[in-house]
Amino acid sequence: MDAKVYVQVNADFNTDGAMIPRELIWENGEKYVIDRVTDIRQAAARKAGGQGDRYTIEVRGHKSYLFFERAPQLTGNVIGRWFVERKAS
């Protein structure tokens, strides 16, 4: 099973231009409000592979990582995609 799950994310941009995720929508349509973003840095996705901007987020009291994978070539409105690493079952 693929460890990388692409998700829809609703985000805001602050006055400095930083992109801040506010809500993610899981593959089954369930919505999760992001209560807090505690860190943003470049980092590798160890389980799923790849690299991007890693957002350390809190959702319902649980810490998790949300990654923004930048598009290799910026064309039109596509700047990248969001993903999370699937937890082992």
PDB file of N, CA and C in Angstrom:
ATOM      1  N   MET A   1       0.846  -1.180   0.000  1.00  0.00           N
ATOM      2  CA  MET A   1       0.000   0.000   0.000  1.00  0.00           C
ATOM      3  C   MET A   1       0.893   1.245   0.000  1.00  0.00           C
ATOM      4  N   ASP A   2       0.533   2.220  -0.797  1.00  0.00           N
ATOM      5  CA  ASP A   2       1.303   3.456  -0.906  1.00  0.00           C
ATOM      6  C   ASP A   2       1.258   4.208   0.410  1.00  0.00           C
ATOM      7  N   ALA A   3       2.427   4.653   0.878  1.00  0.00           N
ATOM      8  CA  ALA A   3       2.496   5.386   2.141  1.00  0.00           C
ATOM      9  C   ALA A   3       2.197   6.867   1.961  1.00  0.00           C
ATOM     10  N   LYS A   4       2.175   7.351   0.736  1.00  0.00           N
ATOM     11  CA  LYS A   4       1.924   8.767   0.464  1.00  0.00           C
ATOM     12  C   LYS A   4       0.469   8.936   0.044  1.00  0.00           C
ATOM     13  N   VAL A   5      -0.260   9.747   0.813  1.00  0.00           N
ATOM     14  CA  VAL A   5      -1.670   9.997   0.526  1.00  0.00           C
ATOM     15  C   VAL A   5      -1.834  11.476   0.194  1.00  0.00           C
ATOM     16  N   TYR A   6      -2.214  11.773  -1.055  1.00  0.00           N
ATOM     17  CA  TYR A   6      -2.459  13.157  -1.451  1.00  0.00           C
ATOM     18  C   TYR A   6      -3.824  13.571  -0.922  1.00  0.00           C
ATOM     19  N   VAL A   7      -3.861  14.756  -0.316  1.00  0.00           N
ATOM     20  CA  VAL A   7      -5.094  15.239   0.303  1.00  0.00           C
ATOM     21  C   VAL A   7      -5.397  16.658  -0.167  1.00  0.00           C
ATOM     22  N   GLN A   8      -6.673  17.001  -0.086  1.00  0.00           N
ATOM     23  CA  GLN A   8      -7.080  18.377  -0.359  1.00  0.00           C
ATOM     24  C   GLN A   8      -6.839  19.178   0.909  1.00  0.00           C
ATOM     25  N   VAL A   9      -6.313  20.384   0.765  1.00  0.00           N
ATOM     26  CA  VAL A   9      -6.042  21.248   1.911  1.00  0.00           C
ATOM     27  C   VAL A   9      -6.582  22.639   1.613  1.00  0.00           C
ATOM     28  N   ASN A  10      -7.250  23.201   2.595  1.00  0.00           N
ATOM     29  CA  ASN A  10      -7.651  24.599   2.529  1.00  0.00           C
ATOM     30  C   ASN A  10      -6.625  25.384   3.328  1.00  0.00           C
ATOM     31  N   ALA A  11      -6.039  26.403   2.708  1.00  0.00           N
ATOM     32  CA  ALA A  11      -4.963  27.161   3.342  1.00  0.00           C
ATOM     33  C   ALA A  11      -5.195  28.654   3.195  1.00  0.00           C
ATOM     34  N   ASP A  12      -4.571  29.402   4.092  1.00  0.00           N
ATOM     35  CA  ASP A  12      -4.563  30.860   4.033  1.00  0.00           C
ATOM     36  C   ASP A  12      -3.146  31.316   3.732  1.00  0.00           C
ATOM     37  N   PHE A  13      -3.032  32.532   3.255  1.00  0.00           N
ATOM     38  CA  PHE A  13      -1.730  33.173   3.072  1.00  0.00           C
ATOM     39  C   PHE A  13      -1.704  34.387   3.982  1.00  0.00           C
ATOM     40  N   ASN A  14      -0.652  34.484   4.828  1.00  0.00           N
ATOM     41  CA  ASN A  14      -0.570  35.651   5.703  1.00  0.00           C
ATOM     42  C   ASN A  14       0.047  36.829   4.954  1.00  0.00           C
ATOM     43  N   THR A  15       0.179  37.954   5.610  1.00  0.00           N
ATOM     44  CA  THR A  15       0.673  39.161   4.948  1.00  0.00           C
ATOM     45  C   THR A  15       2.132  39.053   4.514  1.00  0.00           C
ATOM     46  N   ASP A  16       2.873  38.115   5.105  1.00  0.00           N
ATOM     47  CA  ASP A  16       4.266  37.880   4.697  1.00  0.00           C
ATOM     48  C   ASP A  16       4.355  36.940   3.499  1.00  0.00           C
ATOM     49  N   GLY A  17       3.213  36.365   3.093  1.00  0.00           N
ATOM     50  CA  GLY A  17       3.190  35.447   1.962  1.00  0.00           C
ATOM     51  C   GLY A  17       3.309  33.985   2.358  1.00  0.00           C
ATOM     52  N   ALA A  18       3.386  33.696   3.655  1.00  0.00           N
ATOM     53  CA  ALA A  18       3.489  32.304   4.115  1.00  0.00           C
ATOM     54  C   ALA A  18       2.147  31.590   3.930  1.00  0.00           C
ATOM     55  N   MET A  19       2.221  30.349   3.457  1.00  0.00           N
ATOM     56  CA  MET A  19       1.031  29.525   3.243  1.00  0.00           C
ATOM     57  C   MET A  19       0.778  28.720   4.516  1.00  0.00           C
ATOM     58  N   ILE A  20      -0.395  28.888   5.115  1.00  0.00           N
ATOM     59  CA  ILE A  20      -0.733  28.245   6.377  1.00  0.00           C
ATOM     60  C   ILE A  20      -1.951  27.341   6.175  1.00  0.00           C
ATOM     61  N   PRO A  21      -1.780  26.013   6.295  1.00  0.00           N
ATOM     62  CA  PRO A  21      -2.920  25.107   6.128  1.00  0.00           C
ATOM     63  C   PRO A  21      -3.905  25.243   7.288  1.00  0.00           C
ATOM     64  N   ARG A  22      -5.195  25.233   6.987  1.00  0.00           N
ATOM     65  CA  ARG A  22      -6.237  25.384   8.007  1.00  0.00           C
ATOM     66  C   ARG A  22      -7.124  24.146   8.157  1.00  0.00           C
ATOM     67  N   GLU A  23      -7.252  23.373   7.073  1.00  0.00           N
ATOM     68  CA  GLU A  23      -8.136  22.200   7.100  1.00  0.00           C
ATOM     69  C   GLU A  23      -7.640  21.221   6.049  1.00  0.00           C
ATOM     70  N   LEU A  24      -7.676  19.922   6.390  1.00  0.00           N
ATOM     71  CA  LEU A  24      -7.364  18.925   5.369  1.00  0.00           C
ATOM     72  C   LEU A  24      -8.547  17.996   5.208  1.00  0.00           C
ATOM     73  N   ILE A  25      -8.700  17.509   4.000  1.00  0.00           N
ATOM     74  CA  ILE A  25      -9.810  16.617   3.671  1.00  0.00           C
ATOM     75  C   ILE A  25      -9.214  15.285   3.240  1.00  0.00           C
ATOM     76  N   TRP A  26      -9.494  14.255   4.039  1.00  0.00           N
ATOM     77  CA  TRP A  26      -8.939  12.917   3.816  1.00  0.00           C
ATOM     78  C   TRP A  26      -9.560  12.285   2.576  1.00  0.00           C
ATOM     79  N   GLU A  27      -8.977  11.203   2.101  1.00  0.00           N
ATOM     80  CA  GLU A  27      -9.415  10.568   0.859  1.00  0.00           C
ATOM     81  C   GLU A  27     -10.868  10.084   0.905  1.00  0.00           C
ATOM     82  N   ASN A  28     -11.413   9.854   2.111  1.00  0.00           N
ATOM     83  CA  ASN A  28     -12.815   9.427   2.219  1.00  0.00           C
ATOM     84  C   ASN A  28     -13.774  10.614   2.371  1.00  0.00           C
ATOM     85  N   GLY A  29     -13.225  11.846   2.301  1.00  0.00           N
ATOM     86  CA  GLY A  29     -14.045  13.046   2.395  1.00  0.00           C
ATOM     87  C   GLY A  29     -14.156  13.630   3.790  1.00  0.00           C
ATOM     88  N   GLU A  30     -13.626  12.925   4.793  1.00  0.00           N
ATOM     89  CA  GLU A  30     -13.698  13.441   6.161  1.00  0.00           C
ATOM     90  C   GLU A  30     -12.798  14.668   6.304  1.00  0.00           C
ATOM     91  N   LYS A  31     -13.343  15.697   6.954  1.00  0.00           N
ATOM     92  CA  LYS A  31     -12.609  16.947   7.128  1.00  0.00           C
ATOM     93  C   LYS A  31     -11.986  17.010   8.517  1.00  0.00           C
ATOM     94  N   TYR A  32     -10.761  17.534   8.566  1.00  0.00           N
ATOM     95  CA  TYR A  32     -10.039  17.707   9.814  1.00  0.00           C
ATOM     96  C   TYR A  32      -9.566  19.153   9.906  1.00  0.00           C
ATOM     97  N   VAL A  33     -10.032  19.849  10.930  1.00  0.00           N
ATOM     98  CA  VAL A  33      -9.576  21.213  11.168  1.00  0.00           C
ATOM     99  C   VAL A  33      -8.179  21.144  11.778  1.00  0.00           C
ATOM    100  N   ILE A  34      -7.255  21.919  11.234  1.00  0.00           N
ATOM    101  CA  ILE A  34      -5.900  21.985  11.770  1.00  0.00           C
ATOM    102  C   ILE A  34      -5.933  23.023  12.888  1.00  0.00           C
ATOM    103  N   ASP A  35      -5.775  22.523  14.121  1.00  0.00           N
ATOM    104  CA  ASP A  35      -5.881  23.395  15.284  1.00  0.00           C
ATOM    105  C   ASP A  35      -4.683  24.330  15.410  1.00  0.00           C
ATOM    106  N   ARG A  36      -3.514  23.836  14.984  1.00  0.00           N
ATOM    107  CA  ARG A  36      -2.302  24.618  15.189  1.00  0.00           C
ATOM    108  C   ARG A  36      -1.190  24.129  14.272  1.00  0.00           C
ATOM    109  N   VAL A  37      -0.405  25.054  13.740  1.00  0.00           N
ATOM    110  CA  VAL A  37       0.817  24.739  13.008  1.00  0.00           C
ATOM    111  C   VAL A  37       1.970  25.141  13.929  1.00  0.00           C
ATOM    112  N   THR A  38       2.810  24.176  14.322  1.00  0.00           N
ATOM    113  CA  THR A  38       3.869  24.477  15.285  1.00  0.00           C
ATOM    114  C   THR A  38       5.237  24.626  14.640  1.00  0.00           C
ATOM    115  N   ASP A  39       5.401  24.158  13.392  1.00  0.00           N
ATOM    116  CA  ASP A  39       6.707  24.262  12.742  1.00  0.00           C
ATOM    117  C   ASP A  39       6.536  24.098  11.239  1.00  0.00           C
ATOM    118  N   ILE A  40       7.371  24.804  10.488  1.00  0.00           N
ATOM    119  CA  ILE A  40       7.419  24.653   9.030  1.00  0.00           C
ATOM    120  C   ILE A  40       8.884  24.605   8.649  1.00  0.00           C
ATOM    121  N   ARG A  41       9.291  23.545   7.917  1.00  0.00           N
ATOM    122  CA  ARG A  41      10.684  23.417   7.487  1.00  0.00           C
ATOM    123  C   ARG A  41      10.789  22.488   6.290  1.00  0.00           C
ATOM    124  N   GLN A  42      11.890  22.579   5.567  1.00  0.00           N
ATOM    125  CA  GLN A  42      12.191  21.629   4.496  1.00  0.00           C
ATOM    126  C   GLN A  42      12.573  20.306   5.155  1.00  0.00           C
ATOM    127  N   ALA A  43      11.981  19.213   4.706  1.00  0.00           N
ATOM    128  CA  ALA A  43      12.283  17.919   5.308  1.00  0.00           C
ATOM    129  C   ALA A  43      11.864  16.799   4.372  1.00  0.00           C
ATOM    130  N   ALA A  44      12.486  15.649   4.575  1.00  0.00           N
ATOM    131  CA  ALA A  44      12.146  14.455   3.811  1.00  0.00           C
ATOM    132  C   ALA A  44      10.976  13.729   4.469  1.00  0.00           C
ATOM    133  N   ALA A  45      10.162  13.099   3.639  1.00  0.00           N
ATOM    134  CA  ALA A  45       9.097  12.230   4.130  1.00  0.00           C
ATOM    135  C   ALA A  45       9.713  10.840   4.258  1.00  0.00           C
ATOM    136  N   ARG A  46      10.058  10.441   5.442  1.00  0.00           N
ATOM    137  CA  ARG A  46      10.825   9.204   5.648  1.00  0.00           C
ATOM    138  C   ARG A  46      10.056   7.951   5.271  1.00  0.00           C
ATOM    139  N   LYS A  47       8.770   7.900   5.572  1.00  0.00           N
ATOM    140  CA  LYS A  47       7.973   6.708   5.266  1.00  0.00           C
ATOM    141  C   LYS A  47       7.559   6.652   3.803  1.00  0.00           C
ATOM    142  N   ALA A  48       7.179   7.807   3.264  1.00  0.00           N
ATOM    143  CA  ALA A  48       6.587   7.834   1.930  1.00  0.00           C
ATOM    144  C   ALA A  48       7.572   8.180   0.825  1.00  0.00           C
ATOM    145  N   GLY A  49       8.709   8.732   1.201  1.00  0.00           N
ATOM    146  CA  GLY A  49       9.666   9.171   0.195  1.00  0.00           C
ATOM    147  C   GLY A  49       9.324  10.555  -0.306  1.00  0.00           C
ATOM    148  N   GLY A  50      10.300  11.193  -0.870  1.00  0.00           N
ATOM    149  CA  GLY A  50      10.105  12.539  -1.376  1.00  0.00           C
ATOM    150  C   GLY A  50      10.487  13.572  -0.333  1.00  0.00           C
ATOM    151  N   GLN A  51      10.443  14.821  -0.758  1.00  0.00           N
ATOM    152  CA  GLN A  51      10.822  15.908   0.121  1.00  0.00           C
ATOM    153  C   GLN A  51       9.954  17.099  -0.189  1.00  0.00           C
ATOM    154  N   GLY A  52       9.784  17.949   0.799  1.00  0.00           N
ATOM    155  CA  GLY A  52       8.991  19.149   0.594  1.00  0.00           C
ATOM    156  C   GLY A  52       8.986  19.993   1.839  1.00  0.00           C
ATOM    157  N   ASP A  53       8.022  20.890   1.901  1.00  0.00           N
ATOM    158  CA  ASP A  53       7.837  21.700   3.094  1.00  0.00           C
ATOM    159  C   ASP A  53       7.046  20.851   4.079  1.00  0.00           C
ATOM    160  N   ARG A  54       7.656  20.585   5.239  1.00  0.00           N
ATOM    161  CA  ARG A  54       6.973  19.763   6.247  1.00  0.00           C
ATOM    162  C   ARG A  54       6.353  20.675   7.296  1.00  0.00           C
ATOM    163  N   TYR A  55       5.049  20.577   7.421  1.00  0.00           N
ATOM    164  CA  TYR A  55       4.302  21.329   8.421  1.00  0.00           C
ATOM    165  C   TYR A  55       4.011  20.387   9.579  1.00  0.00           C
ATOM    166  N   THR A  56       4.434  20.758  10.769  1.00  0.00           N
ATOM    167  CA  THR A  56       4.060  20.012  11.968  1.00  0.00           C
ATOM    168  C   THR A  56       2.742  20.615  12.427  1.00  0.00           C
ATOM    169  N   ILE A  57       1.716  19.773  12.454  1.00  0.00           N
ATOM    170  CA  ILE A  57       0.368  20.258  12.754  1.00  0.00           C
ATOM    171  C   ILE A  57      -0.207  19.519  13.952  1.00  0.00           C
ATOM    172  N   GLU A  58      -1.205  20.136  14.565  1.00  0.00           N
ATOM    173  CA  GLU A  58      -1.985  19.483  15.613  1.00  0.00           C
ATOM    174  C   GLU A  58      -3.432  19.421  15.158  1.00  0.00           C
ATOM    175  N   VAL A  59      -3.988  18.212  15.184  1.00  0.00           N
ATOM    176  CA  VAL A  59      -5.382  17.976  14.817  1.00  0.00           C
ATOM    177  C   VAL A  59      -6.010  17.155  15.926  1.00  0.00           C
ATOM    178  N   ARG A  60      -7.031  17.700  16.554  1.00  0.00           N
ATOM    179  CA  ARG A  60      -7.734  17.000  17.640  1.00  0.00           C
ATOM    180  C   ARG A  60      -6.766  16.527  18.727  1.00  0.00           C
ATOM    181  N   GLY A  61      -5.775  17.352  19.036  1.00  0.00           N
ATOM    182  CA  GLY A  61      -4.831  17.033  20.100  1.00  0.00           C
ATOM    183  C   GLY A  61      -3.697  16.103  19.706  1.00  0.00           C
ATOM    184  N   HIS A  62      -3.637  15.691  18.438  1.00  0.00           N
ATOM    185  CA  HIS A  62      -2.588  14.786  17.970  1.00  0.00           C
ATOM    186  C   HIS A  62      -1.633  15.516  17.028  1.00  0.00           C
ATOM    187  N   LYS A  63      -0.343  15.287  17.234  1.00  0.00           N
ATOM    188  CA  LYS A  63       0.679  15.871  16.360  1.00  0.00           C
ATOM    189  C   LYS A  63       0.824  14.997  15.114  1.00  0.00           C
ATOM    190  N   SER A  64       0.974  15.654  13.969  1.00  0.00           N
ATOM    191  CA  SER A  64       1.150  14.941  12.712  1.00  0.00           C
ATOM    192  C   SER A  64       1.956  15.819  11.769  1.00  0.00           C
ATOM    193  N   TYR A  65       2.400  15.227  10.661  1.00  0.00           N
ATOM    194  CA  TYR A  65       3.127  15.973   9.644  1.00  0.00           C
ATOM    195  C   TYR A  65       2.281  16.059   8.377  1.00  0.00           C
ATOM    196  N   LEU A  66       2.284  17.222   7.777  1.00  0.00           N
ATOM    197  CA  LEU A  66       1.625  17.483   6.513  1.00  0.00           C
ATOM    198  C   LEU A  66       2.680  18.070   5.590  1.00  0.00           C
ATOM    199  N   PHE A  67       2.821  17.500   4.402  1.00  0.00           N
ATOM    200  CA  PHE A  67       3.871  17.917   3.476  1.00  0.00           C
ATOM    201  C   PHE A  67       3.288  18.652   2.281  1.00  0.00           C
ATOM    202  N   PHE A  68       4.000  19.695   1.844  1.00  0.00           N
ATOM    203  CA  PHE A  68       3.672  20.367   0.599  1.00  0.00           C
ATOM    204  C   PHE A  68       4.794  20.059  -0.377  1.00  0.00           C
ATOM    205  N   GLU A  69       4.456  19.329  -1.422  1.00  0.00           N
ATOM    206  CA  GLU A  69       5.407  18.896  -2.447  1.00  0.00           C
ATOM    207  C   GLU A  69       5.307  19.877  -3.613  1.00  0.00           C
ATOM    208  N   ARG A  70       6.339  20.667  -3.793  1.00  0.00           N
ATOM    209  CA  ARG A  70       6.313  21.682  -4.852  1.00  0.00           C
ATOM    210  C   ARG A  70       6.376  21.035  -6.232  1.00  0.00           C
ATOM    211  N   ALA A  71       5.652  21.614  -7.173  1.00  0.00           N
ATOM    212  CA  ALA A  71       5.656  21.110  -8.547  1.00  0.00           C
ATOM    213  C   ALA A  71       7.041  21.341  -9.153  1.00  0.00           C
ATOM    214  N   PRO A  72       7.562  20.352  -9.897  1.00  0.00           N
ATOM    215  CA  PRO A  72       8.887  20.527 -10.506  1.00  0.00           C
ATOM    216  C   PRO A  72       8.928  21.654 -11.528  1.00  0.00           C
ATOM    217  N   GLN A  73       7.821  21.872 -12.208  1.00  0.00           N
ATOM    218  CA  GLN A  73       7.719  22.970 -13.166  1.00  0.00           C
ATOM    219  C   GLN A  73       6.429  23.716 -12.892  1.00  0.00           C
ATOM    220  N   LEU A  74       6.563  24.986 -12.573  1.00  0.00           N
ATOM    221  CA  LEU A  74       5.375  25.783 -12.305  1.00  0.00           C
ATOM    222  C   LEU A  74       4.716  26.184 -13.613  1.00  0.00           C
ATOM    223  N   THR A  75       3.494  25.691 -13.802  1.00  0.00           N
ATOM    224  CA  THR A  75       2.736  26.041 -15.005  1.00  0.00           C
ATOM    225  C   THR A  75       1.313  26.369 -14.593  1.00  0.00           C
ATOM    226  N   GLY A  76       0.799  27.448 -15.106  1.00  0.00           N
ATOM    227  CA  GLY A  76      -0.573  27.819 -14.784  1.00  0.00           C
ATOM    228  C   GLY A  76      -0.758  28.015 -13.292  1.00  0.00           C
ATOM    229  N   ASN A  77      -1.805  27.419 -12.750  1.00  0.00           N
ATOM    230  CA  ASN A  77      -2.132  27.568 -11.333  1.00  0.00           C
ATOM    231  C   ASN A  77      -1.553  26.462 -10.458  1.00  0.00           C
ATOM    232  N   VAL A  78      -0.855  25.492 -11.025  1.00  0.00           N
ATOM    233  CA  VAL A  78      -0.345  24.357 -10.259  1.00  0.00           C
ATOM    234  C   VAL A  78       1.015  24.713  -9.660  1.00  0.00           C
ATOM    235  N   ILE A  79       1.054  24.799  -8.309  1.00  0.00           N
ATOM    236  CA  ILE A  79       2.325  25.088  -7.642  1.00  0.00           C
ATOM    237  C   ILE A  79       2.819  23.895  -6.824  1.00  0.00           C
ATOM    238  N   GLY A  80       1.948  22.916  -6.594  1.00  0.00           N
ATOM    239  CA  GLY A  80       2.345  21.734  -5.836  1.00  0.00           C
ATOM    240  C   GLY A  80       1.135  20.990  -5.296  1.00  0.00           C
ATOM    241  N   ARG A  81       1.437  19.949  -4.491  1.00  0.00           N
ATOM    242  CA  ARG A  81       0.369  19.129  -3.904  1.00  0.00           C
ATOM    243  C   ARG A  81       0.689  18.855  -2.443  1.00  0.00           C
ATOM    244  N   TRP A  82      -0.352  18.642  -1.657  1.00  0.00           N
ATOM    245  CA  TRP A  82      -0.241  18.301  -0.248  1.00  0.00           C
ATOM    246  C   TRP A  82      -0.338  16.778  -0.090  1.00  0.00           C
ATOM    247  N   PHE A  83       0.458  16.237   0.851  1.00  0.00           N
ATOM    248  CA  PHE A  83       0.293  14.827   1.190  1.00  0.00           C
ATOM    249  C   PHE A  83       0.617  14.575   2.648  1.00  0.00           C
ATOM    250  N   VAL A  84       0.113  13.452   3.133  1.00  0.00           N
ATOM    251  CA  VAL A  84       0.453  12.950   4.461  1.00  0.00           C
ATOM    252  C   VAL A  84       0.975  11.538   4.287  1.00  0.00           C
ATOM    253  N   GLU A  85       1.702  11.082   5.291  1.00  0.00           N
ATOM    254  CA  GLU A  85       2.190   9.702   5.290  1.00  0.00           C
ATOM    255  C   GLU A  85       1.145   8.829   5.966  1.00  0.00           C
ATOM    256  N   ARG A  86       0.741   7.778   5.260  1.00  0.00           N
ATOM    257  CA  ARG A  86      -0.270   6.859   5.804  1.00  0.00           C
ATOM    258  C   ARG A  86       0.327   6.112   7.002  1.00  0.00           C
ATOM    259  N   LYS A  87      -0.422   6.029   8.072  1.00  0.00           N
ATOM    260  CA  LYS A  87       0.028   5.267   9.234  1.00  0.00           C
ATOM    261  C   LYS A  87      -0.063   3.785   8.942  1.00  0.00           C
ATOM    262  N   ALA A  88       0.930   3.036   9.419  1.00  0.00           N
ATOM    263  CA  ALA A  88       0.919   1.580   9.208  1.00  0.00           C
ATOM    264  C   ALA A  88      -0.284   0.982   9.932  1.00  0.00           C
ATOM    265  N   SER A  89      -0.925   0.008   9.271  1.00  0.00           N
ATOM    266  CA  SER A  89      -2.113  -0.609   9.881  1.00  0.00           C
ATOM    267  C   SER A  89      -1.773  -1.900  10.569  1.00  0.00           C
TER     268      SER A  89
END
